[in-house]
Each structure stands twice: as structure tokens, then as C-alpha cells.
Amino acid sequence: MSRAIAPVFSLLLATAILLVGNGMLGTLIPIRAGLDGFTPTTVGVIGSVYFAGFLLGCLATPHLVRRAGHIRSFATFCGIAAAAPLIHALSADPFIWSLMRVLTGFCFAGLYMVIESWLNEQSTNETRGRLFSAYLIVNLSALTVGQVLLNAADPGGFVLFAVCSILTSIALVPIAMTTSVQPMPIQSTRIDIKALFALSPVGVVGSFVVGLANAPFWTLAPLYASESGLNTAGISVFMSSAIVGGAIAQWPIGRMSDRMDRRRVIVVLSIGAALGEGALVLAGMNGGMFAVMGAGFLFGIFGLTLYSVVVAHMNDHGQSESFVAISGGMLIVFSVGSIIGPTAASVGVSTFGTASIFVFTAVVHLIYAGFTAYRIASAPALTEEQRSDFVAVPFPQAHPLPTELDPRAADEPAPETADEADETI
């Protein structure tokens, strides 16, 4: 493992620093917004525009990197992303916050795409699996550390925003000082959503559903936890409990899905996520700290593992297709759902309270469970030979998935260039 990691240690270190800062900022934003008197609907819109910026960044980054190179593009993204948290601290204007979240989403999509293309360039078929595992561990660990760091200072002050800014700035150092040769320009891939839907309706709809249901959790759950009586320390533990629940459950659930029709596992996970969301509603009404945290952990087990199984199911049907093209299409669909989800989930909060966020997401998961059950009844299951091995993926919270780095992408032909593509990511 150490031999595989040593050449890319600086890249993984930059990833860890960025994820700590961005994970921390993602939770800090709704907490501070609540303290500053923003309405839940406004917080939902701020969450939605982040994912709009994220999608734009995924589309634009290949062109920007071809123009300026990896290191200069990374430095530009870091500079803008580091300024945004400070502007949040200096202004309490929702419009300014929304603009900063668009820029942050755009920049972080670019930052992670640069790192992931670089990691892929440094990997081989022999080391790709170990490198992917290290990348996944870095993701989960950094997200958890980011939640813990919320306890370093008062969220109503300037310090936490400054820490987010500092972390983003420091992440530039490992990249700027790396001795690794810059990779080839990021290539764009032809994306055909209609063809992907024909390939696997359950996969495409599932990607949309995960964005529609999980983006409200990342955006509005800290506000829900705060109004449930949790202080900053409690909120950080609540968010961490969901992350830990998802991390612990990924591998056993994935291995289970290798042994049966993955659609059946998707139905179970969707119903389980709805039950977890129902538990969050009840815990929020009762205001019990341990009940809220336990419900968050339960949601993490089902809601945060759903995407990995959906991706695996999609790739079972697309083994003759480019894995990178499939992941790119899934990312676009996920992003569209993420743009809609936070705003839609926040609409009823002013009338029914923050717990209504999870009523919305529970309904979404139940509808998806019903749709998947219908597909099970109407379309035959794949044989064991047709199914590929499950590979856990990072939570699609705030960064692109490492498409080419995934072991399943080994030996694929190079994707088409942007000049040859009709739709790109």
C-alpha cells in the first residue's frame, strides 16, 4: 500500500485538507444562517445554488485546465474558494451568500477534478484499487474531521470562517510543491442521458433521487439539529453520526448486493432511508438529543449508502459502455436533483417546522422504492455473471466522484475530446 501511496501522497494530502475545510463550511453555513435570521427557504436556496455552481464547475473545468494547466487552474480555484468564507463572515446579505456559494461550488468542482485526474494519471491497473481505497478513506475521515472542527470556535463569530479559508489556501501548498509530472489535460466525455436511461431506468432515476433527497440533508440538517435543541457540539456529532453510519454500512451492503438482484437491495435501502427520515421527524418533535443522533446514524446507514448501490447497478448494465461516460451522466443527473432538492424541501418548513424536510425526502425515497419494485416486476434481473463487483464510492456530497480512478475504469479507451463531444462534463 505504501508504495502505491507514496507517489501521490501530496495529492491525497491536498484532498484531505480541502475536504476538511469544505465539509466544515457546508455545515457552518446553515448554522450561521440560522443565527443571522435567514428563513429556512433562503437556506434551501443557498444550498441549491451551491450545487448549481458545482455542476457548472464540472462542465467548465476541462476547458479551463486545457487553457491554463493543472497547477495554475488549481491555484485560481483555491484563491477564489478561499475568499468566499471570509465574505460570508463579513456580510449577512442572502444574495451575497448565494453568490459566494455558486462560486464555491464552481471552484471545488474544479479543485477535485484536477486532483482526481492527477491521481488517475499516477495510478496503474495494479495500484488503482489500493489508491481508490486510500482515496475513499481520506474522503470519509476528512468529512468527519471537518464536523469535529466546528467546535473550535463560536459559529456566530469570524474564526470558523477564517479556518475554512486558511485550510483552502493551505491545500494549494502540496499541489504547488509536488514533484509529480502534470497529467494530460482533462478530457471531456460524450454524455447521452437518454441512452443512459434506456440502459437502466433504475440507475438514472436513482441518481436523481439521491440528489433530490440527500442534498437537503447536507444543506438543512444542521438547521434541523439546531432547532431540535442541539448546540454546535451536538450538531457536529449528529452530522458525524450520519457519516459514520454510511461509512460502516457501505461494504456489507455492497457485498450483499453482489449476491442478488441489486434492485431488491435498492428497494430495501430506499425504505430504510424513509424509516430513518421518519425517525428524524419524530426525534425532532420530541427534542431528545440521543434520539436525534440515533436517527441520524440510522439515516446514514440507508440514505448515504444508496448511491453506491445505484452506481453499481448502473455499471452492471453498462459494462460495454465507457464507465467514465456513465459516471459523468450520473453526476449530471445527481446535480440536477441536488439543485432542486434543498429548495423544494425547505418550502414547508415555515409552516410545519424543520422536521418537514425529512417528510419530503421520505416521500421521495418511498416513490423511488415503488418505482424500483415496478421495474423488478417488469424487467428480468441480471445473472450473476453479468454483475460487476461492487465498489464503494465517496458520498456525493460536494465533489465529483473519481470516475477514471475507480478500478472498474481500468483498460478503458480514452474518452473523446471536447471538440468531438456534443455534451461534455
Protein backbone atom coordinates (compact mmCIF):
# COMPACT_ATOMS: atom_id res chain seq x y z
CA MET A 1 0.00 0.00 0.00
CA SER A 2 2.76 2.46 0.93
CA ARG A 3 4.45 2.03 -2.45
CA ALA A 4 1.19 2.86 -4.20
CA ILE A 5 0.52 5.90 -1.98
CA ALA A 6 3.99 7.46 -1.85
CA PRO A 7 3.96 8.99 -5.38
CA VAL A 8 0.57 10.64 -4.79
CA PHE A 9 0.84 11.49 -1.09
CA SER A 10 0.81 15.24 -1.80
CA LEU A 11 -2.35 14.90 -3.88
CA LEU A 12 -4.14 12.91 -1.17
CA LEU A 13 -2.99 15.43 1.42
CA ALA A 14 -4.45 18.28 -0.63
CA THR A 15 -7.70 16.32 -0.96
CA ALA A 16 -7.88 15.79 2.81
CA ILE A 17 -7.27 19.48 3.56
CA LEU A 18 -9.88 20.60 1.04
CA LEU A 19 -12.49 18.15 2.31
CA VAL A 20 -11.94 19.11 5.94
CA GLY A 21 -12.47 22.76 5.05
CA ASN A 22 -15.37 22.27 2.66
CA GLY A 23 -17.12 19.73 4.89
CA MET A 24 -16.80 22.11 7.79
CA LEU A 25 -18.05 25.07 5.71
CA GLY A 26 -21.02 23.08 4.41
CA THR A 27 -22.30 22.57 7.97
CA LEU A 28 -21.26 26.00 9.22
CA ILE A 29 -23.26 27.84 6.53
CA PRO A 30 -26.75 26.70 7.66
CA ILE A 31 -25.81 27.08 11.35
CA ARG A 32 -24.68 30.66 10.84
CA ALA A 33 -27.61 31.37 8.53
CA GLY A 34 -29.98 30.36 11.31
CA LEU A 35 -28.15 32.61 13.78
CA ASP A 36 -28.34 35.51 11.31
CA GLY A 37 -32.10 35.09 10.92
CA PHE A 38 -32.25 33.62 7.41
CA THR A 39 -35.50 31.81 6.68
CA PRO A 40 -35.30 28.05 6.01
CA THR A 41 -36.38 28.66 2.43
CA THR A 42 -33.49 31.08 1.97
CA VAL A 43 -31.10 28.49 3.42
CA GLY A 44 -32.54 25.94 0.97
CA VAL A 45 -31.97 28.26 -1.97
CA ILE A 46 -28.38 28.90 -0.79
CA GLY A 47 -27.86 25.13 -0.74
CA SER A 48 -29.37 24.72 -4.21
CA VAL A 49 -27.17 27.35 -5.83
CA TYR A 50 -24.07 25.65 -4.42
CA PHE A 51 -24.90 22.56 -6.46
CA ALA A 52 -25.68 24.73 -9.48
CA GLY A 53 -22.17 26.15 -9.23
CA PHE A 54 -20.83 22.63 -8.71
CA LEU A 55 -22.45 21.45 -11.95
CA LEU A 56 -21.14 24.46 -13.87
CA GLY A 57 -17.67 23.76 -12.50
CA CYS A 58 -17.78 20.16 -13.69
CA LEU A 59 -18.75 21.32 -17.18
CA ALA A 60 -16.22 24.16 -17.41
CA THR A 61 -13.14 22.71 -15.69
CA PRO A 62 -11.86 20.57 -18.61
CA HIS A 63 -11.77 23.66 -20.83
CA LEU A 64 -10.13 25.83 -18.15
CA VAL A 65 -7.43 23.25 -17.41
CA ARG A 66 -6.63 22.85 -21.11
CA ARG A 67 -6.15 26.62 -21.29
CA ALA A 68 -4.12 27.25 -18.11
CA GLY A 69 -2.74 23.89 -16.96
CA HIS A 70 -3.40 21.94 -13.77
CA ILE A 71 -1.35 23.91 -11.25
CA ARG A 72 -2.42 27.38 -12.40
CA SER A 73 -6.07 26.29 -12.59
CA PHE A 74 -5.80 24.77 -9.11
CA ALA A 75 -4.27 28.00 -7.75
CA THR A 76 -7.05 30.07 -9.30
CA PHE A 77 -9.77 27.87 -7.87
CA CYS A 78 -8.08 27.91 -4.44
CA GLY A 79 -7.79 31.70 -4.43
CA ILE A 80 -11.47 32.26 -5.17
CA ALA A 81 -12.66 29.46 -2.87
CA ALA A 82 -10.52 30.76 0.00
CA ALA A 83 -12.02 34.26 -0.30
CA ALA A 84 -15.64 33.08 -0.20
CA PRO A 85 -15.80 32.02 3.51
CA LEU A 86 -14.39 35.39 4.57
CA ILE A 87 -17.06 37.22 2.59
CA HIS A 88 -19.71 35.09 4.33
CA ALA A 89 -18.35 36.32 7.65
CA LEU A 90 -18.32 39.97 6.54
CA SER A 91 -21.84 40.08 5.09
CA ALA A 92 -25.26 38.86 6.19
CA ASP A 93 -26.89 39.52 2.82
CA PRO A 94 -28.59 36.37 1.41
CA PHE A 95 -27.81 37.46 -2.15
CA ILE A 96 -24.10 37.80 -1.36
CA TRP A 97 -24.15 34.42 0.36
CA SER A 98 -25.86 32.83 -2.65
CA LEU A 99 -23.27 34.31 -4.99
CA MET A 100 -20.46 33.01 -2.80
CA ARG A 101 -21.99 29.53 -2.72
CA VAL A 102 -22.20 29.47 -6.52
CA LEU A 103 -18.53 30.42 -6.72
CA THR A 104 -17.59 27.90 -4.01
CA GLY A 105 -19.42 25.08 -5.78
CA PHE A 106 -17.79 26.02 -9.08
CA CYS A 107 -14.31 26.17 -7.57
CA PHE A 108 -14.50 22.99 -5.53
CA ALA A 109 -15.77 21.02 -8.51
CA GLY A 110 -12.69 22.26 -10.37
CA LEU A 111 -10.34 21.54 -7.47
CA TYR A 112 -11.45 17.95 -7.05
CA MET A 113 -11.50 17.28 -10.79
CA VAL A 114 -7.89 18.50 -11.05
CA ILE A 115 -6.79 16.27 -8.16
CA GLU A 116 -8.71 13.24 -9.38
CA SER A 117 -7.37 13.48 -12.93
CA TRP A 118 -3.88 13.77 -11.47
CA LEU A 119 -4.41 10.74 -9.23
CA ASN A 120 -5.66 8.76 -12.19
CA GLU A 121 -2.60 9.70 -14.23
CA GLN A 122 -0.34 8.42 -11.44
CA SER A 123 -2.19 5.12 -10.99
CA THR A 124 -1.74 1.87 -12.88
CA ASN A 125 -4.01 -1.13 -13.23
CA GLU A 126 -2.01 -2.77 -10.42
CA THR A 127 -2.23 0.17 -8.00
CA ARG A 128 -5.62 1.65 -8.92
CA GLY A 129 -7.61 -0.45 -6.44
CA ARG A 130 -5.34 0.39 -3.48
CA LEU A 131 -5.23 4.04 -4.47
CA PHE A 132 -9.01 4.16 -4.73
CA SER A 133 -9.32 2.63 -1.25
CA ALA A 134 -6.93 5.24 0.15
CA TYR A 135 -8.92 7.98 -1.57
CA LEU A 136 -12.15 6.69 -0.03
CA ILE A 137 -10.60 6.56 3.46
CA VAL A 138 -9.31 10.12 3.05
CA ASN A 139 -12.78 11.30 2.00
CA LEU A 140 -14.65 9.74 4.92
CA SER A 141 -12.03 10.72 7.50
CA ALA A 142 -11.75 14.31 6.30
CA LEU A 143 -15.52 14.82 6.26
CA THR A 144 -15.70 13.61 9.88
CA VAL A 145 -12.79 15.83 10.99
CA GLY A 146 -14.49 18.80 9.34
CA GLN A 147 -17.55 18.26 11.54
CA VAL A 148 -15.44 17.97 14.69
CA LEU A 149 -13.62 21.25 13.91
CA LEU A 150 -16.91 23.10 14.22
CA ASN A 151 -16.28 23.00 17.98
CA ALA A 152 -13.12 25.09 17.65
CA ALA A 153 -14.94 28.43 18.00
CA ASP A 154 -18.30 30.18 18.15
CA PRO A 155 -20.18 29.78 14.82
CA GLY A 156 -21.54 33.27 15.33
CA GLY A 157 -18.06 34.75 15.03
CA PHE A 158 -15.34 35.15 12.43
CA VAL A 159 -12.92 32.39 13.44
CA LEU A 160 -14.56 29.32 11.87
CA PHE A 161 -14.94 31.06 8.51
CA ALA A 162 -11.28 32.07 8.73
CA VAL A 163 -10.29 28.46 9.45
CA CYS A 164 -12.19 27.30 6.33
CA SER A 165 -10.39 29.96 4.30
CA ILE A 166 -7.00 29.02 5.74
CA LEU A 167 -7.50 25.32 5.02
CA THR A 168 -8.44 26.05 1.41
CA SER A 169 -5.34 28.22 1.00
CA ILE A 170 -3.02 25.64 2.60
CA ALA A 171 -4.34 22.93 0.25
CA LEU A 172 -2.51 24.74 -2.55
CA VAL A 173 0.89 24.03 -0.96
CA PRO A 174 1.05 20.23 -1.55
CA ILE A 175 -0.03 20.72 -5.16
CA ALA A 176 2.36 23.58 -5.83
CA MET A 177 5.30 21.67 -4.31
CA THR A 178 4.57 18.25 -5.81
CA THR A 179 7.26 16.69 -7.97
CA SER A 180 4.70 14.61 -9.88
CA VAL A 181 4.55 15.37 -13.58
CA GLN A 182 1.42 17.26 -14.56
CA PRO A 183 -1.07 14.94 -16.26
CA MET A 184 -2.53 15.29 -19.71
CA PRO A 185 -5.40 17.80 -19.99
CA ILE A 186 -8.71 16.64 -18.51
CA GLN A 187 -10.70 15.01 -21.28
CA SER A 188 -14.39 15.57 -21.84
CA THR A 189 -16.75 12.69 -22.50
CA ARG A 190 -19.85 12.46 -24.62
CA ILE A 191 -22.88 12.29 -22.32
CA ASP A 192 -26.22 10.93 -23.52
CA ILE A 193 -28.73 10.93 -20.66
CA LYS A 194 -31.48 9.43 -22.83
CA ALA A 195 -29.25 6.49 -23.74
CA LEU A 196 -28.31 6.00 -20.08
CA PHE A 197 -31.98 5.95 -19.11
CA ALA A 198 -32.67 3.31 -21.75
CA LEU A 199 -29.72 1.35 -20.34
CA SER A 200 -31.03 1.44 -16.77
CA PRO A 201 -34.05 3.50 -15.69
CA VAL A 202 -33.49 2.48 -12.05
CA GLY A 203 -29.91 3.77 -12.18
CA VAL A 204 -30.69 7.16 -13.73
CA VAL A 205 -33.77 7.80 -11.58
CA GLY A 206 -31.81 6.67 -8.52
CA SER A 207 -29.05 9.19 -9.20
CA PHE A 208 -31.67 11.95 -9.42
CA VAL A 209 -33.38 10.72 -6.24
CA VAL A 210 -30.12 10.68 -4.26
CA GLY A 211 -29.51 14.31 -5.22
CA LEU A 212 -33.12 15.25 -4.51
CA ALA A 213 -33.10 13.58 -1.06
CA ASN A 214 -29.51 13.82 0.17
CA ALA A 215 -28.75 17.43 -0.78
CA PRO A 216 -31.44 18.66 1.66
CA PHE A 217 -29.72 16.63 4.38
CA TRP A 218 -26.30 18.23 3.80
CA THR A 219 -27.87 21.67 3.44
CA LEU A 220 -30.65 21.77 6.02
CA ALA A 221 -29.95 19.03 8.58
CA PRO A 222 -27.68 21.32 10.67
CA LEU A 223 -30.58 23.79 10.88
CA TYR A 224 -32.90 20.96 11.91
CA ALA A 225 -30.45 19.80 14.57
CA SER A 226 -30.10 23.33 15.92
CA GLU A 227 -33.86 23.79 16.21
CA SER A 228 -34.07 20.36 17.87
CA GLY A 229 -32.05 21.80 20.76
CA LEU A 230 -28.52 20.69 19.83
CA ASN A 231 -25.64 23.08 20.36
CA THR A 232 -22.67 23.30 18.00
CA ALA A 233 -21.01 20.26 19.57
CA GLY A 234 -24.23 18.29 19.27
CA ILE A 235 -24.67 19.31 15.63
CA SER A 236 -21.15 18.18 14.78
CA VAL A 237 -21.76 14.81 16.46
CA PHE A 238 -25.12 14.49 14.70
CA MET A 239 -23.58 15.08 11.25
CA SER A 240 -20.65 12.81 12.09
CA SER A 241 -23.00 10.04 13.20
CA ALA A 242 -24.69 10.03 9.80
CA ILE A 243 -21.30 9.95 8.03
CA VAL A 244 -20.04 7.12 10.25
CA GLY A 245 -23.27 5.16 9.75
CA GLY A 246 -22.88 5.41 5.98
CA ALA A 247 -19.18 4.54 6.11
CA ILE A 248 -19.71 1.44 8.27
CA ALA A 249 -22.59 0.15 6.15
CA GLN A 250 -21.13 0.65 2.65
CA TRP A 251 -19.08 -2.53 2.39
CA PRO A 252 -21.52 -5.07 3.94
CA ILE A 253 -24.44 -3.64 1.96
CA GLY A 254 -22.35 -3.61 -1.19
CA ARG A 255 -21.26 -7.22 -0.74
CA MET A 256 -24.86 -8.21 -0.13
CA SER A 257 -25.85 -6.53 -3.39
CA ASP A 258 -23.22 -8.61 -5.21
CA ARG A 259 -25.15 -11.77 -4.30
CA MET A 260 -28.63 -10.80 -5.51
CA ASP A 261 -30.58 -8.52 -7.81
CA ARG A 262 -29.29 -5.10 -6.76
CA ARG A 263 -32.73 -3.61 -7.34
CA ARG A 264 -34.01 -5.54 -4.32
CA VAL A 265 -31.25 -4.00 -2.21
CA ILE A 266 -32.19 -0.58 -3.61
CA VAL A 267 -35.80 -1.11 -2.51
CA VAL A 268 -34.66 -2.08 1.00
CA LEU A 269 -32.29 0.89 1.23
CA SER A 270 -34.94 3.33 -0.01
CA ILE A 271 -37.48 2.07 2.52
CA GLY A 272 -34.80 2.08 5.23
CA ALA A 273 -33.88 5.67 4.35
CA ALA A 274 -37.56 6.65 4.60
CA LEU A 275 -37.75 4.98 8.02
CA GLY A 276 -34.61 6.85 9.11
CA GLU A 277 -36.17 10.09 7.93
CA GLY A 278 -39.36 9.24 9.79
CA ALA A 279 -37.22 8.70 12.88
CA LEU A 280 -35.65 12.11 12.34
CA VAL A 281 -39.11 13.69 12.18
CA LEU A 282 -40.18 12.04 15.45
CA ALA A 283 -36.87 12.82 17.17
CA GLY A 284 -37.12 16.45 16.11
CA MET A 285 -40.62 16.71 17.54
CA ASN A 286 -39.57 15.17 20.85
CA GLY A 287 -36.31 17.10 21.05
CA GLY A 288 -34.24 14.29 22.53
CA MET A 289 -30.50 14.68 21.78
CA PHE A 290 -29.69 10.98 21.69
CA ALA A 291 -32.83 10.25 19.66
CA VAL A 292 -31.77 12.83 17.05
CA MET A 293 -28.26 11.40 16.85
CA GLY A 294 -29.52 7.81 16.66
CA ALA A 295 -31.94 8.76 13.89
CA GLY A 296 -29.08 10.46 12.03
CA PHE A 297 -26.99 7.30 12.31
CA LEU A 298 -29.92 5.21 11.03
CA PHE A 299 -30.41 7.55 8.07
CA GLY A 300 -26.69 7.34 7.28
CA ILE A 301 -26.81 3.54 7.12
CA PHE A 302 -29.51 3.55 4.45
CA GLY A 303 -29.62 7.01 2.86
CA LEU A 304 -25.88 7.56 2.44
CA THR A 305 -25.18 4.08 1.04
CA LEU A 306 -27.90 4.16 -1.59
CA TYR A 307 -25.78 5.93 -4.19
CA SER A 308 -23.03 3.29 -4.19
CA VAL A 309 -25.54 0.54 -4.95
CA VAL A 310 -27.25 2.67 -7.60
CA VAL A 311 -23.87 3.29 -9.29
CA ALA A 312 -23.03 -0.43 -9.12
CA HIS A 313 -26.41 -1.30 -10.65
CA MET A 314 -25.88 1.23 -13.43
CA ASN A 315 -22.46 -0.21 -14.23
CA ASP A 316 -23.86 -3.75 -14.29
CA HIS A 317 -25.94 -2.64 -17.28
CA GLY A 318 -23.19 -0.58 -18.85
CA GLN A 319 -20.25 -2.94 -18.94
CA SER A 320 -19.99 -2.47 -22.71
CA GLU A 321 -20.12 1.30 -22.31
CA SER A 322 -17.48 3.71 -21.01
CA PHE A 323 -17.52 3.76 -17.22
CA VAL A 324 -16.37 7.39 -17.33
CA ALA A 325 -19.28 8.36 -19.59
CA ILE A 326 -21.74 6.58 -17.29
CA SER A 327 -20.35 8.28 -14.18
CA GLY A 328 -20.41 11.63 -15.94
CA GLY A 329 -24.07 11.19 -16.85
CA MET A 330 -24.91 10.07 -13.32
CA LEU A 331 -23.13 13.14 -11.98
CA ILE A 332 -25.20 15.48 -14.16
CA VAL A 333 -28.47 13.81 -13.09
CA PHE A 334 -27.38 13.85 -9.44
CA SER A 335 -26.52 17.55 -9.68
CA VAL A 336 -29.92 18.44 -11.17
CA GLY A 337 -31.61 16.63 -8.29
CA SER A 338 -29.32 18.40 -5.82
CA ILE A 339 -30.24 21.79 -7.26
CA ILE A 340 -33.95 21.11 -6.85
CA GLY A 341 -33.87 19.23 -3.52
CA PRO A 342 -32.86 21.82 -0.89
CA THR A 343 -35.25 24.49 -2.15
CA ALA A 344 -38.14 22.05 -2.56
CA ALA A 345 -37.57 20.51 0.88
CA SER A 346 -37.48 23.92 2.58
CA VAL A 347 -40.82 25.18 1.23
CA GLY A 348 -42.94 23.69 4.01
CA VAL A 349 -40.55 24.47 6.87
CA SER A 350 -42.06 27.86 7.76
CA THR A 351 -45.45 26.18 8.25
CA PHE A 352 -44.59 22.72 9.58
CA GLY A 353 -41.12 23.20 11.08
CA THR A 354 -37.69 21.90 10.08
CA ALA A 355 -38.71 18.27 10.64
CA SER A 356 -40.85 18.58 7.49
CA ILE A 357 -37.60 18.47 5.49
CA PHE A 358 -37.48 14.76 6.15
CA VAL A 359 -41.15 14.23 5.32
CA PHE A 360 -40.31 15.46 1.82
CA THR A 361 -37.23 13.25 1.48
CA ALA A 362 -39.07 10.22 2.93
CA VAL A 363 -41.79 10.59 0.29
CA VAL A 364 -39.11 10.82 -2.42
CA HIS A 365 -37.46 7.62 -1.19
CA LEU A 366 -40.78 5.75 -0.97
CA ILE A 367 -41.73 6.77 -4.51
CA TYR A 368 -38.35 5.52 -5.71
CA ALA A 369 -38.84 2.25 -3.84
CA GLY A 370 -42.19 1.82 -5.59
CA PHE A 371 -40.68 2.62 -8.99
CA THR A 372 -37.86 0.12 -8.44
CA ALA A 373 -40.31 -2.55 -7.31
CA TYR A 374 -42.26 -1.98 -10.52
CA ARG A 375 -39.06 -2.42 -12.55
CA ILE A 376 -38.32 -5.66 -10.69
CA ALA A 377 -41.73 -6.97 -11.70
CA SER A 378 -41.48 -5.81 -15.33
CA ALA A 379 -37.82 -6.40 -16.25
CA PRO A 380 -35.72 -9.54 -15.63
CA ALA A 381 -32.76 -9.45 -13.25
CA LEU A 382 -29.19 -9.72 -14.47
CA THR A 383 -27.41 -13.00 -13.96
CA GLU A 384 -24.51 -13.28 -11.51
CA GLU A 385 -22.08 -13.35 -14.44
CA GLN A 386 -23.49 -10.05 -15.77
CA ARG A 387 -23.00 -8.23 -12.48
CA SER A 388 -19.72 -6.47 -11.81
CA ASP A 389 -18.16 -6.39 -8.34
CA PHE A 390 -19.44 -3.69 -6.01
CA VAL A 391 -17.08 -0.77 -5.41
CA ALA A 392 -17.85 1.69 -2.60
CA VAL A 393 -17.77 5.34 -3.72
CA PRO A 394 -17.34 8.54 -1.72
CA PHE A 395 -20.52 10.21 -0.55
CA PRO A 396 -21.65 12.51 -3.39
CA GLN A 397 -21.82 15.47 -1.01
CA ALA A 398 -19.74 18.19 -2.51
CA HIS A 399 -17.30 16.90 -5.07
CA PRO A 400 -17.18 14.88 -8.28
CA LEU A 401 -16.76 11.14 -8.00
CA PRO A 402 -13.33 9.78 -9.01
CA THR A 403 -14.57 8.24 -12.25
CA GLU A 404 -11.36 7.23 -14.00
CA LEU A 405 -9.67 6.34 -10.69
CA ASP A 406 -12.31 3.69 -9.96
CA PRO A 407 -10.87 0.19 -10.50
CA ARG A 408 -13.75 -0.60 -12.85
CA ALA A 409 -12.44 2.04 -15.27
CA ALA A 410 -9.18 0.15 -15.92
CA ASP A 411 -8.26 -0.59 -19.53
CA GLU A 412 -10.95 1.69 -20.93
CA PRO A 413 -10.25 3.56 -24.14
CA ALA A 414 -9.58 7.24 -23.72
CA PRO A 415 -12.71 9.39 -23.78
CA GLU A 416 -13.42 11.72 -26.63
CA THR A 417 -12.07 15.23 -26.56
CA ALA A 418 -14.30 18.23 -26.08
CA ASP A 419 -14.10 19.11 -29.75
CA GLU A 420 -15.66 15.74 -30.59
CA ALA A 421 -18.36 15.83 -27.91
CA ASP A 422 -21.87 17.15 -28.17
CA GLU A 423 -22.44 17.26 -24.42
CA THR A 424 -19.50 17.26 -22.03
CA ILE A 425 -18.65 17.02 -18.38
